[in-house]
Protein backbone atom coordinates (compact mmCIF):
# COMPACT_ATOMS: atom_id res chain seq x y z
CA MET A 1 -138.74 -75.33 -20.79
CA PRO A 2 -135.87 -77.81 -21.22
CA VAL A 3 -133.56 -76.91 -24.03
CA ASP A 4 -133.98 -78.92 -27.20
CA GLU A 5 -130.77 -80.48 -28.43
CA GLY A 6 -131.40 -79.58 -32.06
CA ALA A 7 -129.23 -79.95 -35.10
CA ALA A 8 -126.64 -77.36 -35.94
CA PRO A 9 -127.60 -74.66 -38.44
CA VAL A 10 -126.88 -75.28 -42.09
CA MET A 11 -123.97 -73.09 -43.05
CA PRO A 12 -122.38 -71.86 -46.27
CA PRO A 13 -118.77 -72.99 -46.85
CA ALA A 14 -116.80 -72.41 -43.66
CA GLN A 15 -114.46 -69.45 -43.41
CA PRO A 16 -111.17 -69.84 -41.52
CA ASP A 17 -111.09 -68.27 -38.09
CA GLY A 18 -107.86 -66.46 -38.89
CA PRO A 19 -104.27 -66.79 -37.76
CA ALA A 20 -104.55 -65.28 -34.31
CA ALA A 21 -105.25 -68.17 -31.97
CA LEU A 22 -104.75 -69.10 -28.36
CA ASP A 23 -103.07 -72.28 -27.27
CA ALA A 24 -104.72 -74.34 -24.59
CA ASP A 25 -102.92 -72.57 -21.76
CA ARG A 26 -104.71 -69.31 -22.67
CA SER A 27 -101.96 -67.37 -20.91
CA GLU A 28 -101.35 -64.63 -23.49
CA PRO A 29 -104.56 -63.40 -25.15
CA PRO A 30 -103.95 -61.93 -28.60
CA PRO A 31 -104.63 -58.28 -29.42
CA LEU A 32 -107.98 -57.52 -30.97
CA HIS A 33 -108.08 -56.24 -34.50
CA GLY A 34 -109.45 -52.73 -34.05
CA VAL A 35 -109.99 -53.15 -30.31
CA VAL A 36 -107.10 -53.36 -27.90
CA LEU A 37 -107.43 -54.44 -24.29
CA SER A 38 -105.04 -53.81 -21.46
CA ALA A 39 -105.18 -54.99 -17.88
CA ASP A 40 -103.79 -51.63 -16.81
CA PRO A 41 -104.00 -48.89 -19.47
CA ALA A 42 -102.13 -46.46 -17.24
CA THR A 43 -99.01 -48.62 -16.95
CA ALA A 44 -98.91 -50.51 -20.26
CA PRO A 45 -97.76 -48.08 -22.95
CA GLY A 46 -98.31 -49.17 -26.53
CA SER A 47 -95.73 -49.52 -29.23
CA GLY A 48 -97.72 -47.42 -31.65
CA ASN A 49 -97.70 -49.90 -34.52
CA GLY A 50 -100.36 -52.28 -33.20
CA THR A 51 -98.29 -55.43 -33.72
CA THR A 52 -94.75 -55.29 -32.33
CA GLY A 53 -92.62 -53.59 -29.72
CA PRO A 54 -92.86 -53.37 -25.94
CA GLY A 55 -96.06 -52.91 -24.03
CA GLN A 56 -99.57 -53.39 -25.37
CA PRO A 57 -100.43 -52.52 -29.00
CA ARG A 58 -102.33 -49.36 -29.78
CA GLY A 59 -105.33 -48.71 -31.97
CA LYS A 60 -105.08 -47.53 -35.57
CA THR A 61 -104.80 -43.88 -34.56
CA GLY A 62 -101.98 -44.52 -32.08
CA GLN A 63 -104.25 -43.97 -29.09
CA GLY A 64 -103.76 -45.89 -25.90
CA PRO A 65 -105.03 -49.40 -25.22
CA GLY A 66 -108.38 -50.33 -23.76
CA VAL A 67 -110.59 -48.46 -26.19
CA VAL A 68 -114.11 -48.82 -27.54
CA PRO A 69 -114.65 -48.07 -31.23
CA VAL A 70 -116.99 -45.23 -32.12
CA THR A 71 -118.08 -44.22 -35.61
CA PRO A 72 -118.49 -40.42 -35.92
CA PRO A 73 -120.66 -38.83 -38.65
CA ASP A 74 -117.83 -38.77 -41.21
CA GLY A 75 -117.57 -42.57 -41.03
CA THR A 76 -114.00 -42.71 -39.71
CA LEU A 77 -113.09 -44.57 -36.55
CA ALA A 78 -112.37 -42.63 -33.39
CA TRP A 79 -110.73 -44.31 -30.40
CA PRO A 80 -111.71 -42.88 -27.01
CA THR A 81 -109.12 -43.50 -24.32
CA MET A 82 -111.17 -42.90 -21.18
CA PRO A 83 -110.41 -45.38 -18.39
CA LEU A 84 -114.17 -45.74 -17.97
CA ALA A 85 -114.51 -47.03 -21.54
CA ALA A 86 -111.50 -49.30 -21.10
CA ASP A 87 -112.95 -50.84 -17.95
CA ALA A 88 -116.34 -51.35 -19.61
CA LEU A 89 -114.79 -53.11 -22.58
CA ALA A 90 -112.61 -55.27 -20.34
CA LYS A 91 -115.74 -56.35 -18.44
CA LEU A 92 -117.45 -57.36 -21.68
CA ASP A 93 -114.34 -59.20 -22.81
CA ALA A 94 -114.29 -61.15 -19.54
CA ASP A 95 -118.00 -61.96 -19.81
CA LEU A 96 -117.72 -63.21 -23.38
CA GLY A 97 -114.67 -65.31 -22.57
CA GLN A 98 -112.95 -67.63 -25.00
CA VAL A 99 -114.20 -70.36 -27.28
CA GLN A 100 -112.45 -73.37 -28.71
CA VAL A 101 -112.00 -72.95 -32.46
CA ALA A 102 -109.79 -75.94 -33.30
CA ARG A 103 -107.82 -78.89 -31.98
CA SER A 104 -104.24 -79.64 -32.97
CA GLY A 105 -103.15 -83.04 -31.78
CA GLY A 106 -103.72 -82.96 -28.05
CA ARG A 107 -103.92 -79.16 -27.93
CA ARG A 108 -107.08 -77.13 -27.92
CA ILE A 109 -106.94 -73.81 -29.73
CA TYR A 110 -108.91 -70.96 -28.17
CA ARG A 111 -109.75 -67.43 -29.25
CA ARG A 112 -111.59 -64.62 -27.52
CA ARG A 113 -115.19 -64.22 -28.57
CA ILE A 114 -114.89 -60.45 -28.67
CA GLU A 115 -112.09 -60.76 -31.23
CA LEU A 116 -114.07 -63.18 -33.39
CA LEU A 117 -117.03 -60.83 -33.16
CA ALA A 118 -114.92 -57.87 -34.28
CA GLU A 119 -113.79 -59.84 -37.32
CA ALA A 120 -117.34 -60.94 -38.18
CA CYS A 121 -118.95 -57.46 -38.08
CA THR A 122 -118.44 -54.06 -39.60
CA ALA A 123 -116.95 -51.50 -37.20
CA GLU A 124 -120.26 -49.70 -36.69
CA THR A 125 -122.20 -52.90 -36.09
CA PHE A 126 -119.49 -54.15 -33.72
CA GLY A 127 -120.07 -51.08 -31.55
CA LEU A 128 -123.84 -51.59 -31.70
CA VAL A 129 -123.49 -55.23 -30.70
CA LEU A 130 -121.33 -54.33 -27.70
CA ASP A 131 -123.91 -51.75 -26.65
CA TRP A 132 -126.67 -54.34 -27.09
CA LEU A 133 -124.81 -56.93 -25.02
CA SER A 134 -124.21 -54.34 -22.28
CA SER A 135 -127.92 -53.94 -21.59
CA THR A 136 -129.27 -55.21 -18.27
CA ARG A 137 -131.87 -57.05 -20.35
CA ARG A 138 -129.05 -59.38 -21.32
CA ALA A 139 -127.45 -59.76 -17.90
CA SER A 140 -126.76 -63.48 -18.17
CA VAL A 141 -123.21 -64.30 -19.24
CA ALA A 142 -124.50 -67.43 -20.99
CA THR A 143 -126.98 -65.33 -22.97
CA LYS A 144 -124.26 -62.91 -24.08
CA ARG A 145 -122.06 -65.77 -25.22
CA ASN A 146 -124.88 -67.54 -27.05
CA TYR A 147 -125.81 -64.35 -28.88
CA VAL A 148 -122.23 -63.71 -29.99
CA ASP A 149 -121.88 -67.31 -31.15
CA ASP A 150 -125.14 -67.05 -33.09
CA LEU A 151 -124.04 -63.84 -34.80
CA ARG A 152 -120.63 -65.14 -35.82
CA ARG A 153 -121.66 -68.72 -36.67
CA VAL A 154 -125.06 -68.14 -38.28
CA TRP A 155 -125.69 -64.59 -39.42
CA ALA A 156 -122.18 -63.46 -40.37
CA PRO A 157 -121.67 -66.47 -42.71
CA LEU A 158 -125.08 -65.77 -44.28
CA ALA A 159 -124.08 -62.14 -44.85
CA ARG A 160 -120.86 -63.28 -46.54
CA GLU A 161 -122.78 -65.77 -48.65
CA LEU A 162 -124.94 -62.87 -49.88
CA GLY A 163 -121.88 -60.86 -50.91
CA HIS A 164 -121.19 -58.69 -47.87
CA ASP A 165 -117.68 -58.42 -46.51
CA ALA A 166 -118.98 -58.62 -42.94
CA PHE A 167 -122.24 -58.70 -41.03
CA ALA A 168 -123.97 -55.38 -40.47
CA VAL A 169 -127.37 -54.48 -39.06
CA GLY A 170 -129.68 -53.99 -42.01
CA CYS A 171 -127.68 -56.19 -44.40
CA LEU A 172 -130.30 -58.96 -44.29
CA SER A 173 -133.81 -58.50 -45.63
CA ARG A 174 -136.99 -60.26 -44.62
CA GLU A 175 -136.76 -62.28 -47.82
CA HIS A 176 -133.26 -63.41 -46.85
CA VAL A 177 -134.45 -64.55 -43.43
CA ARG A 178 -137.42 -66.34 -45.01
CA MET A 179 -135.19 -68.28 -47.44
CA TRP A 180 -132.70 -69.03 -44.66
CA ARG A 181 -135.47 -70.43 -42.45
CA LEU A 182 -136.73 -72.68 -45.24
CA ARG A 183 -133.20 -73.96 -45.80
CA GLN A 184 -132.85 -74.84 -42.11
CA GLU A 185 -136.22 -76.59 -42.04
CA GLY A 186 -135.32 -78.55 -45.17
CA ALA A 187 -132.14 -79.73 -43.50
CA GLY A 188 -133.99 -80.88 -40.39
CA VAL A 189 -132.71 -78.22 -37.99
CA ALA A 190 -134.83 -78.19 -34.83
CA GLN A 191 -137.52 -75.53 -34.60
CA ARG A 192 -136.27 -74.48 -31.18
CA SER A 193 -132.82 -73.82 -32.62
CA ILE A 194 -134.24 -71.76 -35.49
CA ALA A 195 -136.36 -69.82 -33.00
CA ARG A 196 -133.27 -68.97 -30.95
CA TYR A 197 -131.29 -67.78 -33.97
CA VAL A 198 -134.03 -65.47 -35.26
CA ALA A 199 -134.68 -64.17 -31.73
CA CYS A 200 -131.03 -63.11 -31.55
CA LEU A 201 -131.21 -61.31 -34.91
CA SER A 202 -134.50 -59.62 -34.07
CA SER A 203 -133.38 -58.45 -30.63
CA LEU A 204 -130.24 -56.86 -32.08
CA HIS A 205 -132.23 -54.97 -34.73
CA VAL A 206 -134.80 -53.74 -32.21
CA HIS A 207 -131.96 -52.40 -30.06
CA ALA A 208 -130.11 -50.86 -33.02
CA ALA A 209 -133.27 -49.12 -34.26
CA GLY A 210 -133.30 -47.11 -31.06
CA ARG A 211 -129.67 -46.07 -31.49
CA LEU A 212 -129.49 -45.15 -35.18
CA ASP A 213 -130.88 -42.00 -36.77
CA ALA A 214 -131.75 -43.72 -40.05
CA PRO A 215 -134.82 -45.98 -40.02
CA LEU A 216 -134.01 -49.67 -39.64
CA ILE A 217 -136.36 -52.49 -40.65
CA ASN A 218 -136.32 -55.61 -38.50
CA PRO A 219 -135.69 -58.52 -40.92
CA VAL A 220 -137.51 -60.93 -38.60
CA THR A 221 -141.30 -60.99 -38.67
CA GLU A 222 -143.74 -63.16 -36.77
CA ASP A 223 -144.16 -65.18 -39.97
CA ASP A 224 -140.62 -66.52 -39.58
CA ARG A 225 -140.67 -67.20 -35.84
CA PRO A 226 -141.30 -70.93 -35.37
CA ARG A 227 -144.20 -71.75 -33.10
CA ILE A 228 -142.87 -74.01 -30.38
CA PRO A 229 -145.63 -76.22 -28.97
CA THR A 230 -145.61 -76.60 -25.20
CA GLY A 231 -145.56 -80.06 -23.71
CA ASN A 232 -144.05 -81.68 -26.80
CA THR A 233 -142.41 -84.73 -25.24
CA ALA A 234 -140.99 -85.85 -28.58
CA THR A 235 -138.50 -82.97 -28.58
CA SER A 236 -138.04 -82.51 -24.83
CA THR A 237 -134.81 -83.32 -23.04
CA PRO A 238 -134.88 -87.02 -22.07
CA VAL A 239 -134.84 -88.07 -18.43
CA LEU A 240 -132.83 -90.86 -16.83
CA GLU A 241 -134.48 -93.12 -14.29
CA ILE A 242 -132.80 -93.67 -10.92
CA ASP A 243 -131.34 -97.04 -11.89
CA GLN A 244 -129.90 -95.50 -15.06
CA VAL A 245 -128.22 -92.77 -13.01
CA ARG A 246 -126.55 -95.47 -10.91
CA ALA A 247 -125.54 -97.40 -14.04
CA VAL A 248 -123.82 -94.35 -15.52
CA ALA A 249 -122.01 -93.58 -12.26
CA ALA A 250 -120.81 -97.19 -12.12
CA CYS A 251 -119.07 -96.68 -15.48
CA ALA A 252 -116.86 -93.88 -14.12
CA ARG A 253 -113.20 -94.59 -14.85
CA SER A 254 -111.74 -91.87 -12.64
CA ASP A 255 -112.52 -89.58 -9.73
CA LEU A 256 -113.18 -86.82 -12.25
CA ASP A 257 -115.76 -88.90 -14.11
CA LEU A 258 -117.63 -89.66 -10.89
CA LEU A 259 -117.39 -86.08 -9.65
CA VAL A 260 -118.83 -84.70 -12.90
CA VAL A 261 -121.82 -87.06 -12.63
CA MET A 262 -122.36 -86.19 -8.96
CA LEU A 263 -122.18 -82.43 -9.45
CA LEU A 264 -124.38 -82.31 -12.54
CA TYR A 265 -127.05 -84.52 -10.97
CA THR A 266 -127.13 -83.54 -7.30
CA LEU A 267 -126.99 -79.77 -7.91
CA ALA A 268 -129.30 -79.82 -10.95
CA GLY A 269 -126.94 -77.13 -12.15
CA ARG A 270 -126.38 -75.61 -15.52
CA VAL A 271 -123.11 -76.88 -16.94
CA THR A 272 -121.70 -73.37 -17.48
CA GLU A 273 -122.23 -72.56 -13.79
CA ILE A 274 -120.24 -75.57 -12.66
CA CYS A 275 -117.43 -74.97 -15.16
CA ALA A 276 -117.11 -71.35 -14.05
CA ALA A 277 -116.70 -72.26 -10.36
CA ASP A 278 -113.32 -71.71 -8.69
CA VAL A 279 -111.68 -73.30 -5.66
CA THR A 280 -112.43 -70.10 -3.73
CA ASP A 281 -116.14 -70.74 -4.29
CA LEU A 282 -115.95 -73.62 -1.81
CA ALA A 283 -116.73 -72.78 1.80
CA VAL A 284 -117.65 -74.52 5.04
CA GLU A 285 -120.87 -73.50 6.75
CA GLY A 286 -121.46 -75.38 9.98
CA ASP A 287 -120.73 -79.02 9.28
CA ARG A 288 -121.39 -78.83 5.54
CA THR A 289 -119.28 -77.87 2.56
CA VAL A 290 -121.09 -75.48 0.25
CA LEU A 291 -120.37 -74.46 -3.31
CA ARG A 292 -121.19 -70.91 -4.35
CA LEU A 293 -122.47 -70.82 -7.92
CA THR A 294 -123.18 -67.79 -10.07
CA ARG A 295 -126.50 -68.72 -11.58
CA LYS A 296 -128.39 -67.41 -14.57
CA GLY A 297 -128.83 -63.65 -14.43
CA GLY A 298 -125.84 -63.24 -12.11
CA LYS A 299 -127.65 -64.54 -9.01
CA GLN A 300 -125.40 -66.01 -6.32
CA ARG A 301 -126.43 -69.30 -4.67
CA ALA A 302 -124.63 -71.30 -1.98
CA LEU A 303 -125.56 -74.96 -2.43
CA PRO A 304 -124.60 -77.61 0.16
CA LEU A 305 -122.67 -80.58 -1.20
CA PRO A 306 -123.35 -84.17 -0.12
CA ASP A 307 -120.54 -85.39 2.14
CA ARG A 308 -119.34 -88.00 -0.36
CA CYS A 309 -119.23 -85.43 -3.14
CA ALA A 310 -117.42 -82.93 -0.91
CA ARG A 311 -114.78 -85.51 0.09
CA LEU A 312 -114.20 -86.45 -3.54
CA LEU A 313 -113.90 -82.80 -4.51
CA ARG A 314 -111.44 -82.05 -1.70
CA ARG A 315 -109.32 -85.03 -2.72
CA MET A 316 -109.16 -83.80 -6.31
CA ILE A 317 -108.34 -80.22 -5.31
CA GLY A 318 -105.55 -81.35 -3.02
CA ASP A 319 -103.59 -78.40 -1.62
CA ARG A 320 -104.71 -75.93 -4.28
CA THR A 321 -106.16 -72.72 -2.81
CA SER A 322 -107.07 -70.90 -6.01
CA GLY A 323 -107.83 -71.45 -9.67
CA PRO A 324 -110.56 -73.41 -11.43
CA LEU A 325 -112.55 -75.93 -9.44
CA LEU A 326 -112.45 -78.57 -12.18
CA LEU A 327 -109.23 -79.19 -14.11
CA ASP A 328 -108.28 -81.60 -16.85
CA ALA A 329 -105.14 -83.75 -16.76
CA ALA A 330 -103.07 -80.87 -18.17
CA GLY A 331 -104.23 -78.45 -15.47
CA ARG A 332 -106.66 -76.49 -17.65
CA ARG A 333 -110.15 -75.42 -16.64
CA LEU A 334 -112.79 -77.80 -17.90
CA ASP A 335 -115.40 -76.18 -20.14
CA ARG A 336 -118.90 -77.27 -21.08
CA HIS A 337 -117.60 -79.22 -24.07
CA ASP A 338 -115.31 -81.24 -21.80
CA LEU A 339 -118.18 -82.10 -19.46
CA ASP A 340 -120.37 -82.94 -22.44
CA ARG A 341 -117.74 -85.38 -23.72
CA ILE A 342 -117.34 -87.01 -20.29
CA SER A 343 -121.10 -87.37 -19.85
CA THR A 344 -121.65 -88.70 -23.37
CA ARG A 345 -118.83 -91.25 -23.00
CA LEU A 346 -120.27 -92.54 -19.72
CA GLY A 347 -123.77 -92.66 -21.18
CA ARG A 348 -122.60 -94.82 -24.06
CA ALA A 349 -120.67 -97.10 -21.72
CA ALA A 350 -123.80 -97.59 -19.62
CA ALA A 351 -125.98 -98.06 -22.73
CA VAL A 352 -128.56 -95.50 -21.64
CA LEU A 353 -130.38 -93.24 -24.11
CA PRO A 354 -129.31 -95.30 -27.15
CA ASP A 355 -130.76 -92.73 -29.57
CA ARG A 356 -129.42 -89.62 -27.83
CA ASP A 357 -126.24 -88.27 -26.31
CA LEU A 358 -126.20 -88.02 -22.53
CA THR A 359 -125.72 -84.25 -22.43
CA PRO A 360 -125.21 -82.29 -19.19
CA HIS A 361 -128.74 -80.92 -19.49
CA VAL A 362 -130.12 -84.46 -19.22
CA TRP A 363 -128.69 -84.61 -15.69
CA ARG A 364 -130.43 -81.37 -14.76
CA ALA A 365 -133.75 -82.49 -16.25
CA SER A 366 -133.46 -85.86 -14.52
CA ARG A 367 -132.79 -84.38 -11.08
CA ILE A 368 -135.67 -81.91 -11.37
CA THR A 369 -138.01 -84.70 -12.47
CA HIS A 370 -136.90 -87.00 -9.63
CA MET A 371 -137.52 -84.24 -7.08
CA LEU A 372 -141.07 -83.89 -8.39
CA ASP A 373 -141.48 -87.68 -8.32
CA ALA A 374 -140.51 -87.61 -4.64
CA GLY A 375 -143.35 -85.21 -3.88
CA ILE A 376 -141.20 -82.17 -3.12
CA PRO A 377 -143.40 -79.05 -3.34
CA LEU A 378 -143.32 -77.33 -6.69
CA ALA A 379 -142.12 -74.03 -5.20
CA GLU A 380 -139.12 -75.75 -3.59
CA VAL A 381 -138.17 -77.45 -6.84
CA GLN A 382 -138.49 -74.15 -8.71
CA GLU A 383 -136.19 -72.43 -6.22
CA PHE A 384 -133.62 -75.24 -6.25
CA ALA A 385 -133.57 -75.38 -10.07
CA ASP A 386 -133.39 -71.59 -10.28
CA HIS A 387 -136.36 -71.35 -12.63
CA ALA A 388 -137.49 -67.74 -13.00
CA ASN A 389 -140.92 -68.83 -14.21
CA PRO A 390 -142.90 -71.49 -12.32
CA ALA A 391 -144.33 -72.60 -15.67
CA THR A 392 -140.91 -74.03 -16.52
CA THR A 393 -140.97 -76.26 -13.44
CA ILE A 394 -144.59 -77.20 -14.04
CA GLY A 395 -143.57 -78.31 -17.54
CA TYR A 396 -141.40 -81.07 -16.07
CA TRP A 397 -144.28 -82.24 -13.87
CA GLU A 398 -146.77 -82.21 -16.74
CA ARG A 399 -144.51 -84.18 -19.05
CA ARG A 400 -143.81 -86.77 -16.37
CA ASN A 401 -147.50 -87.22 -15.57
CA ARG A 402 -148.42 -87.29 -19.25
CA ALA A 403 -145.92 -90.08 -19.88
CA GLN A 404 -147.15 -92.05 -16.87
CA ARG A 405 -150.78 -91.69 -17.96
CA ALA A 406 -149.94 -92.80 -21.49
CA THR A 407 -148.13 -95.86 -20.12
CA ALA A 408 -151.13 -96.76 -17.97
CA HIS A 409 -153.50 -96.39 -20.92
CA VAL A 410 -151.56 -98.70 -23.24
CA ASP A 411 -150.99 -101.24 -20.46
CA GLN A 412 -154.73 -101.28 -19.79
CA ALA A 413 -155.51 -101.64 -23.49
CA ILE A 414 -153.31 -104.70 -23.94
CA THR A 415 -155.37 -106.61 -21.36
CA VAL A 416 -158.01 -107.06 -24.07
CA PHE A 417 -155.76 -109.74 -25.56
CA ASP A 418 -155.06 -111.62 -22.32
CA ASP A 419 -157.35 -114.53 -23.26
CA LEU A 420 -155.37 -115.37 -26.37
CA ASP A 421 -153.59 -118.65 -25.62
CA THR A 422 -151.21 -118.77 -28.53
CA ALA A 423 -149.65 -116.49 -31.08
CA PRO A 424 -151.29 -116.50 -34.53
CA HIS A 425 -150.03 -119.13 -36.96
CA ARG A 426 -148.87 -118.19 -40.42
């Protein structure tokens, strides 16, 4: 079902993200604390002290870079140096990517999620989380990133609030989760958001229970999983009408503004898919330009672009033959937050959705709904939207029809008062 744009979780006092940060160019990723990555472990010797000297820093034991932490029975950290482990960790690091942690003037400060995760967890739990994220049951890059963000932004701060130095599996009890849930509800956090956070915590503990010798109790029970009603139009993603789509596009102040609107709407794409696209993902098939997107679950799709959209995109790319498809004025890859800001700004300028931000997901929901309005078969809409479950696509159709029926009912009811000639006098 469409994602609910709920409130952010209520957090204890914020902890600083630490000194190691990336500038907006993201050209030199910092070393991980306790985990060191190298593009080529065989040719990048470490300095041995983990902080200075030539080459890439080593782990605490002086082993080579590109290692995955393992906790042996005596509780000390061992650092395997197998190239296989290094490659696996590098793949996870690439999947998790970087996240903006601050802004300084016009600069955006980024850090790697895997580094933030290492700082938020104990060493043993960090290894368990990496193993959990490596499962094929969590193949989607977006899912991995969301889970890491939930752990470091929701559960690690709660663990610190309760007196733990870092988050660890088993550090939260069912009573803790119960009190946390009540706090979120009292602050008005959306039930869908709470459900996602507890699903993350529960999934990690289920996975860890199968890896640890000691028994592990899942702190999440069914009593603390919010029941999300289906077909609740009050909390569903809003939908723009066709004339509103045109009004927003008319407010575009640049080619980039217009291109963002066109791509989000015409492709009904997820914003992370579009942001991740590179120039090399463009191709010509016959007389059409197509854009290859990596969709949810790692599926590859080649989607044809409308001619006007393709011309605009080619003009913006210019003579570039590689790199990100969408760049900001400073030449940096646009991320989902950038597209969210562009969309929200245009929505406010067009005065649509006065009570809500025009998020990228609104464009996706609007396009799917308009396809159903046009009578396109449900199976075709499901395939185009990349919905794994047809019930998700049906949900859009049901909400649209429900709204239309409700409108017809109230319009019919008001006819009872048609014979009134004048308004009542006071």
